[in-house]
Amino acid sequence: MKATIVDLRYKMNDILKALARNERVTVLYRGKVKGVLLPVERKTDMRMTDHPFFGMSSRDAEKSVLEELDDLRSPRYDDI
């Protein structure tokens, strides 16, 4: 879609609808291209099992999840 500066002012609803349809909008000023509006890339919902970190810990781990978190959250040095 091509839109002039006047279109940006008076027909913004049509421009937003074009962006919702994943169309590029070329902005013209006095007949020359000044810029391009691109639709935002939509994130796809990822299942937890598809995450790269899923399954990295073995099931026969020595510590429980809460113990692992306590170790991660503990201070660096113990009080003496």
PDB file of N, CA and C in Angstrom:
ATOM      1  N   MET A   1       0.847  -1.164   0.000  1.00  0.00           N
ATOM      2  CA  MET A   1       0.000   0.000   0.000  1.00  0.00           C
ATOM      3  C   MET A   1       0.893   1.227   0.000  1.00  0.00           C
ATOM      4  N   LYS A   2       0.467   2.253  -0.716  1.00  0.00           N
ATOM      5  CA  LYS A   2       1.174   3.524  -0.718  1.00  0.00           C
ATOM      6  C   LYS A   2       0.290   4.563  -0.051  1.00  0.00           C
ATOM      7  N   ALA A   3       0.886   5.384   0.776  1.00  0.00           N
ATOM      8  CA  ALA A   3       0.137   6.410   1.498  1.00  0.00           C
ATOM      9  C   ALA A   3       0.933   7.706   1.487  1.00  0.00           C
ATOM     10  N   THR A   4       0.231   8.807   1.275  1.00  0.00           N
ATOM     11  CA  THR A   4       0.868  10.116   1.327  1.00  0.00           C
ATOM     12  C   THR A   4       0.794  10.647   2.753  1.00  0.00           C
ATOM     13  N   ILE A   5       1.422  11.773   2.973  1.00  0.00           N
ATOM     14  CA  ILE A   5       1.380  12.400   4.293  1.00  0.00           C
ATOM     15  C   ILE A   5      -0.060  12.760   4.658  1.00  0.00           C
ATOM     16  N   VAL A   6      -0.836  13.198   3.672  1.00  0.00           N
ATOM     17  CA  VAL A   6      -2.246  13.530   3.920  1.00  0.00           C
ATOM     18  C   VAL A   6      -3.023  12.273   4.303  1.00  0.00           C
ATOM     19  N   ASP A   7      -2.707  11.134   3.645  1.00  0.00           N
ATOM     20  CA  ASP A   7      -3.359   9.875   4.004  1.00  0.00           C
ATOM     21  C   ASP A   7      -3.042   9.479   5.441  1.00  0.00           C
ATOM     22  N   LEU A   8      -1.811   9.725   5.857  1.00  0.00           N
ATOM     23  CA  LEU A   8      -1.451   9.414   7.250  1.00  0.00           C
ATOM     24  C   LEU A   8      -2.314  10.197   8.218  1.00  0.00           C
ATOM     25  N   ARG A   9      -2.667  11.403   7.822  1.00  0.00           N
ATOM     26  CA  ARG A   9      -3.453  12.252   8.709  1.00  0.00           C
ATOM     27  C   ARG A   9      -4.933  11.890   8.693  1.00  0.00           C
ATOM     28  N   TYR A  10      -5.482  11.665   7.502  1.00  0.00           N
ATOM     29  CA  TYR A  10      -6.925  11.503   7.389  1.00  0.00           C
ATOM     30  C   TYR A  10      -7.390  10.054   7.243  1.00  0.00           C
ATOM     31  N   LYS A  11      -6.525   9.156   6.859  1.00  0.00           N
ATOM     32  CA  LYS A  11      -6.924   7.763   6.633  1.00  0.00           C
ATOM     33  C   LYS A  11      -6.081   6.793   7.448  1.00  0.00           C
ATOM     34  N   MET A  12      -5.777   7.171   8.660  1.00  0.00           N
ATOM     35  CA  MET A  12      -4.935   6.327   9.514  1.00  0.00           C
ATOM     36  C   MET A  12      -5.591   4.979   9.782  1.00  0.00           C
ATOM     37  N   ASN A  13      -6.917   4.943   9.857  1.00  0.00           N
ATOM     38  CA  ASN A  13      -7.608   3.683  10.110  1.00  0.00           C
ATOM     39  C   ASN A  13      -7.344   2.684   8.980  1.00  0.00           C
ATOM     40  N   ASP A  14      -7.360   3.148   7.732  1.00  0.00           N
ATOM     41  CA  ASP A  14      -7.079   2.263   6.602  1.00  0.00           C
ATOM     42  C   ASP A  14      -5.633   1.773   6.620  1.00  0.00           C
ATOM     43  N   ILE A  15      -4.737   2.632   7.030  1.00  0.00           N
ATOM     44  CA  ILE A  15      -3.325   2.251   7.100  1.00  0.00           C
ATOM     45  C   ILE A  15      -3.107   1.205   8.191  1.00  0.00           C
ATOM     46  N   LEU A  16      -3.766   1.382   9.330  1.00  0.00           N
ATOM     47  CA  LEU A  16      -3.650   0.397  10.405  1.00  0.00           C
ATOM     48  C   LEU A  16      -4.254  -0.948   9.990  1.00  0.00           C
ATOM     49  N   LYS A  17      -5.333  -0.915   9.226  1.00  0.00           N
ATOM     50  CA  LYS A  17      -5.921  -2.164   8.730  1.00  0.00           C
ATOM     51  C   LYS A  17      -4.964  -2.864   7.768  1.00  0.00           C
ATOM     52  N   ALA A  18      -4.277  -2.094   6.928  1.00  0.00           N
ATOM     53  CA  ALA A  18      -3.297  -2.685   6.016  1.00  0.00           C
ATOM     54  C   ALA A  18      -2.156  -3.327   6.794  1.00  0.00           C
ATOM     55  N   LEU A  19      -1.704  -2.679   7.846  1.00  0.00           N
ATOM     56  CA  LEU A  19      -0.651  -3.264   8.679  1.00  0.00           C
ATOM     57  C   LEU A  19      -1.141  -4.527   9.381  1.00  0.00           C
ATOM     58  N   ALA A  20      -2.419  -4.536   9.771  1.00  0.00           N
ATOM     59  CA  ALA A  20      -2.988  -5.731  10.397  1.00  0.00           C
ATOM     60  C   ALA A  20      -3.043  -6.896   9.420  1.00  0.00           C
ATOM     61  N   ARG A  21      -3.139  -6.593   8.116  1.00  0.00           N
ATOM     62  CA  ARG A  21      -3.125  -7.636   7.091  1.00  0.00           C
ATOM     63  C   ARG A  21      -1.703  -8.003   6.677  1.00  0.00           C
ATOM     64  N   ASN A  22      -0.720  -7.551   7.429  1.00  0.00           N
ATOM     65  CA  ASN A  22       0.707  -7.801   7.170  1.00  0.00           C
ATOM     66  C   ASN A  22       1.170  -7.201   5.851  1.00  0.00           C
ATOM     67  N   GLU A  23       0.638  -6.052   5.489  1.00  0.00           N
ATOM     68  CA  GLU A  23       1.071  -5.338   4.293  1.00  0.00           C
ATOM     69  C   GLU A  23       2.087  -4.270   4.677  1.00  0.00           C
ATOM     70  N   ARG A  24       2.998  -4.009   3.767  1.00  0.00           N
ATOM     71  CA  ARG A  24       3.938  -2.902   3.935  1.00  0.00           C
ATOM     72  C   ARG A  24       3.248  -1.636   3.471  1.00  0.00           C
ATOM     73  N   VAL A  25       3.484  -0.537   4.164  1.00  0.00           N
ATOM     74  CA  VAL A  25       2.919   0.750   3.774  1.00  0.00           C
ATOM     75  C   VAL A  25       4.081   1.673   3.423  1.00  0.00           C
ATOM     76  N   THR A  26       4.107   2.122   2.180  1.00  0.00           N
ATOM     77  CA  THR A  26       5.135   3.042   1.717  1.00  0.00           C
ATOM     78  C   THR A  26       4.622   4.460   1.893  1.00  0.00           C
ATOM     79  N   VAL A  27       5.380   5.286   2.586  1.00  0.00           N
ATOM     80  CA  VAL A  27       4.981   6.672   2.852  1.00  0.00           C
ATOM     81  C   VAL A  27       5.625   7.564   1.798  1.00  0.00           C
ATOM     82  N   LEU A  28       4.786   8.353   1.135  1.00  0.00           N
ATOM     83  CA  LEU A  28       5.245   9.256   0.081  1.00  0.00           C
ATOM     84  C   LEU A  28       5.097  10.707   0.533  1.00  0.00           C
ATOM     85  N   TYR A  29       6.075  11.523   0.174  1.00  0.00           N
ATOM     86  CA  TYR A  29       6.019  12.952   0.420  1.00  0.00           C
ATOM     87  C   TYR A  29       6.372  13.651  -0.884  1.00  0.00           C
ATOM     88  N   ARG A  30       5.409  14.334  -1.440  1.00  0.00           N
ATOM     89  CA  ARG A  30       5.546  14.997  -2.734  1.00  0.00           C
ATOM     90  C   ARG A  30       5.972  14.013  -3.827  1.00  0.00           C
ATOM     91  N   GLY A  31       5.406  12.821  -3.759  1.00  0.00           N
ATOM     92  CA  GLY A  31       5.655  11.816  -4.781  1.00  0.00           C
ATOM     93  C   GLY A  31       6.911  10.995  -4.610  1.00  0.00           C
ATOM     94  N   LYS A  32       7.701  11.290  -3.605  1.00  0.00           N
ATOM     95  CA  LYS A  32       8.945  10.548  -3.371  1.00  0.00           C
ATOM     96  C   LYS A  32       8.821   9.733  -2.089  1.00  0.00           C
ATOM     97  N   VAL A  33       9.437   8.582  -2.102  1.00  0.00           N
ATOM     98  CA  VAL A  33       9.378   7.695  -0.947  1.00  0.00           C
ATOM     99  C   VAL A  33      10.177   8.296   0.202  1.00  0.00           C
ATOM    100  N   LYS A  34       9.513   8.429   1.358  1.00  0.00           N
ATOM    101  CA  LYS A  34      10.176   8.935   2.564  1.00  0.00           C
ATOM    102  C   LYS A  34      10.429   7.827   3.581  1.00  0.00           C
ATOM    103  N   GLY A  35       9.650   6.774   3.496  1.00  0.00           N
ATOM    104  CA  GLY A  35       9.840   5.687   4.453  1.00  0.00           C
ATOM    105  C   GLY A  35       8.878   4.558   4.194  1.00  0.00           C
ATOM    106  N   VAL A  36       9.058   3.489   4.957  1.00  0.00           N
ATOM    107  CA  VAL A  36       8.215   2.306   4.835  1.00  0.00           C
ATOM    108  C   VAL A  36       7.798   1.892   6.235  1.00  0.00           C
ATOM    109  N   LEU A  37       6.505   1.655   6.412  1.00  0.00           N
ATOM    110  CA  LEU A  37       5.994   1.126   7.670  1.00  0.00           C
ATOM    111  C   LEU A  37       5.823  -0.381   7.505  1.00  0.00           C
ATOM    112  N   LEU A  38       6.421  -1.132   8.415  1.00  0.00           N
ATOM    113  CA  LEU A  38       6.360  -2.586   8.361  1.00  0.00           C
ATOM    114  C   LEU A  38       5.538  -3.115   9.522  1.00  0.00           C
ATOM    115  N   PRO A  39       4.751  -4.162   9.293  1.00  0.00           N
ATOM    116  CA  PRO A  39       4.010  -4.753  10.409  1.00  0.00           C
ATOM    117  C   PRO A  39       4.963  -5.451  11.370  1.00  0.00           C
ATOM    118  N   VAL A  40       4.571  -5.516  12.613  1.00  0.00           N
ATOM    119  CA  VAL A  40       5.383  -6.167  13.638  1.00  0.00           C
ATOM    120  C   VAL A  40       5.339  -7.670  13.414  1.00  0.00           C
ATOM    121  N   GLU A  41       6.493  -8.316  13.574  1.00  0.00           N
ATOM    122  CA  GLU A  41       6.525  -9.767  13.469  1.00  0.00           C
ATOM    123  C   GLU A  41       5.837 -10.350  14.686  1.00  0.00           C
ATOM    124  N   ARG A  42       4.931 -11.232  14.428  1.00  0.00           N
ATOM    125  CA  ARG A  42       4.175 -11.838  15.519  1.00  0.00           C
ATOM    126  C   ARG A  42       4.940 -13.029  16.071  1.00  0.00           C
ATOM    127  N   LYS A  43       4.967 -13.117  17.381  1.00  0.00           N
ATOM    128  CA  LYS A  43       5.618 -14.247  18.027  1.00  0.00           C
ATOM    129  C   LYS A  43       4.648 -15.414  18.045  1.00  0.00           C
ATOM    130  N   THR A  44       5.166 -16.567  17.796  1.00  0.00           N
ATOM    131  CA  THR A  44       4.340 -17.760  17.898  1.00  0.00           C
ATOM    132  C   THR A  44       4.482 -18.317  19.306  1.00  0.00           C
ATOM    133  N   ASP A  45       3.398 -18.828  19.818  1.00  0.00           N
ATOM    134  CA  ASP A  45       3.438 -19.416  21.149  1.00  0.00           C
ATOM    135  C   ASP A  45       4.199 -20.732  21.085  1.00  0.00           C
ATOM    136  N   MET A  46       5.192 -20.835  21.936  1.00  0.00           N
ATOM    137  CA  MET A  46       6.018 -22.030  21.947  1.00  0.00           C
ATOM    138  C   MET A  46       5.561 -22.933  23.090  1.00  0.00           C
ATOM    139  N   ARG A  47       5.460 -24.193  22.788  1.00  0.00           N
ATOM    140  CA  ARG A  47       5.126 -25.144  23.838  1.00  0.00           C
ATOM    141  C   ARG A  47       6.346 -25.326  24.732  1.00  0.00           C
ATOM    142  N   MET A  48       6.103 -25.631  25.976  1.00  0.00           N
ATOM    143  CA  MET A  48       7.192 -25.772  26.938  1.00  0.00           C
ATOM    144  C   MET A  48       8.145 -26.901  26.514  1.00  0.00           C
ATOM    145  N   THR A  49       7.612 -27.952  25.953  1.00  0.00           N
ATOM    146  CA  THR A  49       8.463 -29.084  25.572  1.00  0.00           C
ATOM    147  C   THR A  49       9.335 -28.755  24.364  1.00  0.00           C
ATOM    148  N   ASP A  50       9.007 -27.692  23.616  1.00  0.00           N
ATOM    149  CA  ASP A  50       9.816 -27.293  22.468  1.00  0.00           C
ATOM    150  C   ASP A  50      10.961 -26.362  22.851  1.00  0.00           C
ATOM    151  N   HIS A  51      10.968 -25.872  24.080  1.00  0.00           N
ATOM    152  CA  HIS A  51      12.018 -24.960  24.530  1.00  0.00           C
ATOM    153  C   HIS A  51      13.342 -25.720  24.595  1.00  0.00           C
ATOM    154  N   PRO A  52      14.454 -25.086  24.179  1.00  0.00           N
ATOM    155  CA  PRO A  52      15.738 -25.790  24.167  1.00  0.00           C
ATOM    156  C   PRO A  52      16.210 -26.245  25.542  1.00  0.00           C
ATOM    157  N   PHE A  53      15.777 -25.596  26.604  1.00  0.00           N
ATOM    158  CA  PHE A  53      16.222 -25.968  27.941  1.00  0.00           C
ATOM    159  C   PHE A  53      15.469 -27.176  28.486  1.00  0.00           C
ATOM    160  N   PHE A  54      14.331 -27.486  27.890  1.00  0.00           N
ATOM    161  CA  PHE A  54      13.502 -28.577  28.396  1.00  0.00           C
ATOM    162  C   PHE A  54      14.252 -29.901  28.305  1.00  0.00           C
ATOM    163  N   GLY A  55      14.294 -30.630  29.409  1.00  0.00           N
ATOM    164  CA  GLY A  55      14.901 -31.948  29.428  1.00  0.00           C
ATOM    165  C   GLY A  55      16.406 -31.957  29.588  1.00  0.00           C
ATOM    166  N   MET A  56      17.026 -30.815  29.871  1.00  0.00           N
ATOM    167  CA  MET A  56      18.484 -30.798  30.009  1.00  0.00           C
ATOM    168  C   MET A  56      18.926 -31.445  31.310  1.00  0.00           C
ATOM    169  N   SER A  57      18.094 -31.359  32.319  1.00  0.00           N
ATOM    170  CA  SER A  57      18.429 -31.976  33.591  1.00  0.00           C
ATOM    171  C   SER A  57      17.941 -33.417  33.575  1.00  0.00           C
ATOM    172  N   SER A  58      18.755 -34.299  34.055  1.00  0.00           N
ATOM    173  CA  SER A  58      18.346 -35.707  34.054  1.00  0.00           C
ATOM    174  C   SER A  58      17.363 -35.961  35.191  1.00  0.00           C
ATOM    175  N   ARG A  59      16.575 -36.972  35.026  1.00  0.00           N
ATOM    176  CA  ARG A  59      15.555 -37.295  36.033  1.00  0.00           C
ATOM    177  C   ARG A  59      16.181 -37.838  37.322  1.00  0.00           C
ATOM    178  N   ASP A  60      17.344 -38.423  37.239  1.00  0.00           N
ATOM    179  CA  ASP A  60      17.972 -38.977  38.430  1.00  0.00           C
ATOM    180  C   ASP A  60      18.934 -37.970  39.063  1.00  0.00           C
ATOM    181  N   ALA A  61      18.529 -36.716  39.095  1.00  0.00           N
ATOM    182  CA  ALA A  61      19.355 -35.674  39.691  1.00  0.00           C
ATOM    183  C   ALA A  61      19.424 -35.873  41.198  1.00  0.00           C
ATOM    184  N   GLU A  62      20.530 -35.442  41.779  1.00  0.00           N
ATOM    185  CA  GLU A  62      20.734 -35.642  43.209  1.00  0.00           C
ATOM    186  C   GLU A  62      19.904 -34.681  44.049  1.00  0.00           C
ATOM    187  N   LYS A  63      19.638 -33.478  43.517  1.00  0.00           N
ATOM    188  CA  LYS A  63      18.912 -32.463  44.273  1.00  0.00           C
ATOM    189  C   LYS A  63      17.526 -32.256  43.680  1.00  0.00           C
ATOM    190  N   SER A  64      16.613 -31.853  44.553  1.00  0.00           N
ATOM    191  CA  SER A  64      15.280 -31.523  44.065  1.00  0.00           C
ATOM    192  C   SER A  64      15.314 -30.127  43.439  1.00  0.00           C
ATOM    193  N   VAL A  65      14.237 -29.757  42.801  1.00  0.00           N
ATOM    194  CA  VAL A  65      14.156 -28.450  42.158  1.00  0.00           C
ATOM    195  C   VAL A  65      14.294 -27.338  43.195  1.00  0.00           C
ATOM    196  N   LEU A  66      13.642 -27.485  44.329  1.00  0.00           N
ATOM    197  CA  LEU A  66      13.726 -26.458  45.372  1.00  0.00           C
ATOM    198  C   LEU A  66      15.144 -26.326  45.919  1.00  0.00           C
ATOM    199  N   GLU A  67      15.849 -27.430  46.053  1.00  0.00           N
ATOM    200  CA  GLU A  67      17.231 -27.367  46.518  1.00  0.00           C
ATOM    201  C   GLU A  67      18.124 -26.677  45.492  1.00  0.00           C
ATOM    202  N   GLU A  68      17.883 -26.947  44.220  1.00  0.00           N
ATOM    203  CA  GLU A  68      18.651 -26.278  43.163  1.00  0.00           C
ATOM    204  C   GLU A  68      18.393 -24.771  43.199  1.00  0.00           C
ATOM    205  N   LEU A  69      17.141 -24.377  43.372  1.00  0.00           N
ATOM    206  CA  LEU A  69      16.825 -22.957  43.446  1.00  0.00           C
ATOM    207  C   LEU A  69      17.455 -22.300  44.659  1.00  0.00           C
ATOM    208  N   ASP A  70      17.442 -22.980  45.783  1.00  0.00           N
ATOM    209  CA  ASP A  70      18.088 -22.438  46.982  1.00  0.00           C
ATOM    210  C   ASP A  70      19.574 -22.225  46.750  1.00  0.00           C
ATOM    211  N   ASP A  71      20.225 -23.163  46.064  1.00  0.00           N
ATOM    212  CA  ASP A  71      21.648 -23.007  45.764  1.00  0.00           C
ATOM    213  C   ASP A  71      21.891 -21.823  44.826  1.00  0.00           C
ATOM    214  N   LEU A  72      21.025 -21.648  43.847  1.00  0.00           N
ATOM    215  CA  LEU A  72      21.181 -20.538  42.920  1.00  0.00           C
ATOM    216  C   LEU A  72      20.934 -19.195  43.580  1.00  0.00           C
ATOM    217  N   ARG A  73      20.034 -19.148  44.531  1.00  0.00           N
ATOM    218  CA  ARG A  73      19.657 -17.890  45.177  1.00  0.00           C
ATOM    219  C   ARG A  73      20.489 -17.580  46.430  1.00  0.00           C
ATOM    220  N   SER A  74      21.314 -18.512  46.844  1.00  0.00           N
ATOM    221  CA  SER A  74      22.093 -18.295  48.063  1.00  0.00           C
ATOM    222  C   SER A  74      23.166 -17.239  47.829  1.00  0.00           C
ATOM    223  N   PRO A  75      23.604 -16.593  48.910  1.00  0.00           N
ATOM    224  CA  PRO A  75      24.668 -15.599  48.759  1.00  0.00           C
ATOM    225  C   PRO A  75      25.963 -16.277  48.324  1.00  0.00           C
ATOM    226  N   ARG A  76      26.835 -15.476  47.770  1.00  0.00           N
ATOM    227  CA  ARG A  76      28.085 -16.009  47.241  1.00  0.00           C
ATOM    228  C   ARG A  76      28.967 -16.582  48.350  1.00  0.00           C
ATOM    229  N   TYR A  77      29.076 -15.870  49.443  1.00  0.00           N
ATOM    230  CA  TYR A  77      29.932 -16.309  50.538  1.00  0.00           C
ATOM    231  C   TYR A  77      29.082 -16.538  51.774  1.00  0.00           C
ATOM    232  N   ASP A  78      29.376 -17.581  52.508  1.00  0.00           N
ATOM    233  CA  ASP A  78      28.653 -17.849  53.765  1.00  0.00           C
ATOM    234  C   ASP A  78      29.198 -16.920  54.831  1.00  0.00           C
ATOM    235  N   ASP A  79      28.312 -16.552  55.747  1.00  0.00           N
ATOM    236  CA  ASP A  79      28.741 -15.732  56.889  1.00  0.00           C
ATOM    237  C   ASP A  79      29.617 -16.574  57.809  1.00  0.00           C
ATOM    238  N   ILE A  80      30.679 -15.990  58.279  1.00  0.00           N
ATOM    239  CA  ILE A  80      31.625 -16.709  59.142  1.00  0.00           C
ATOM    240  C   ILE A  80      31.370 -16.372  60.576  1.00  0.00           C
TER     241      ILE A  80
END
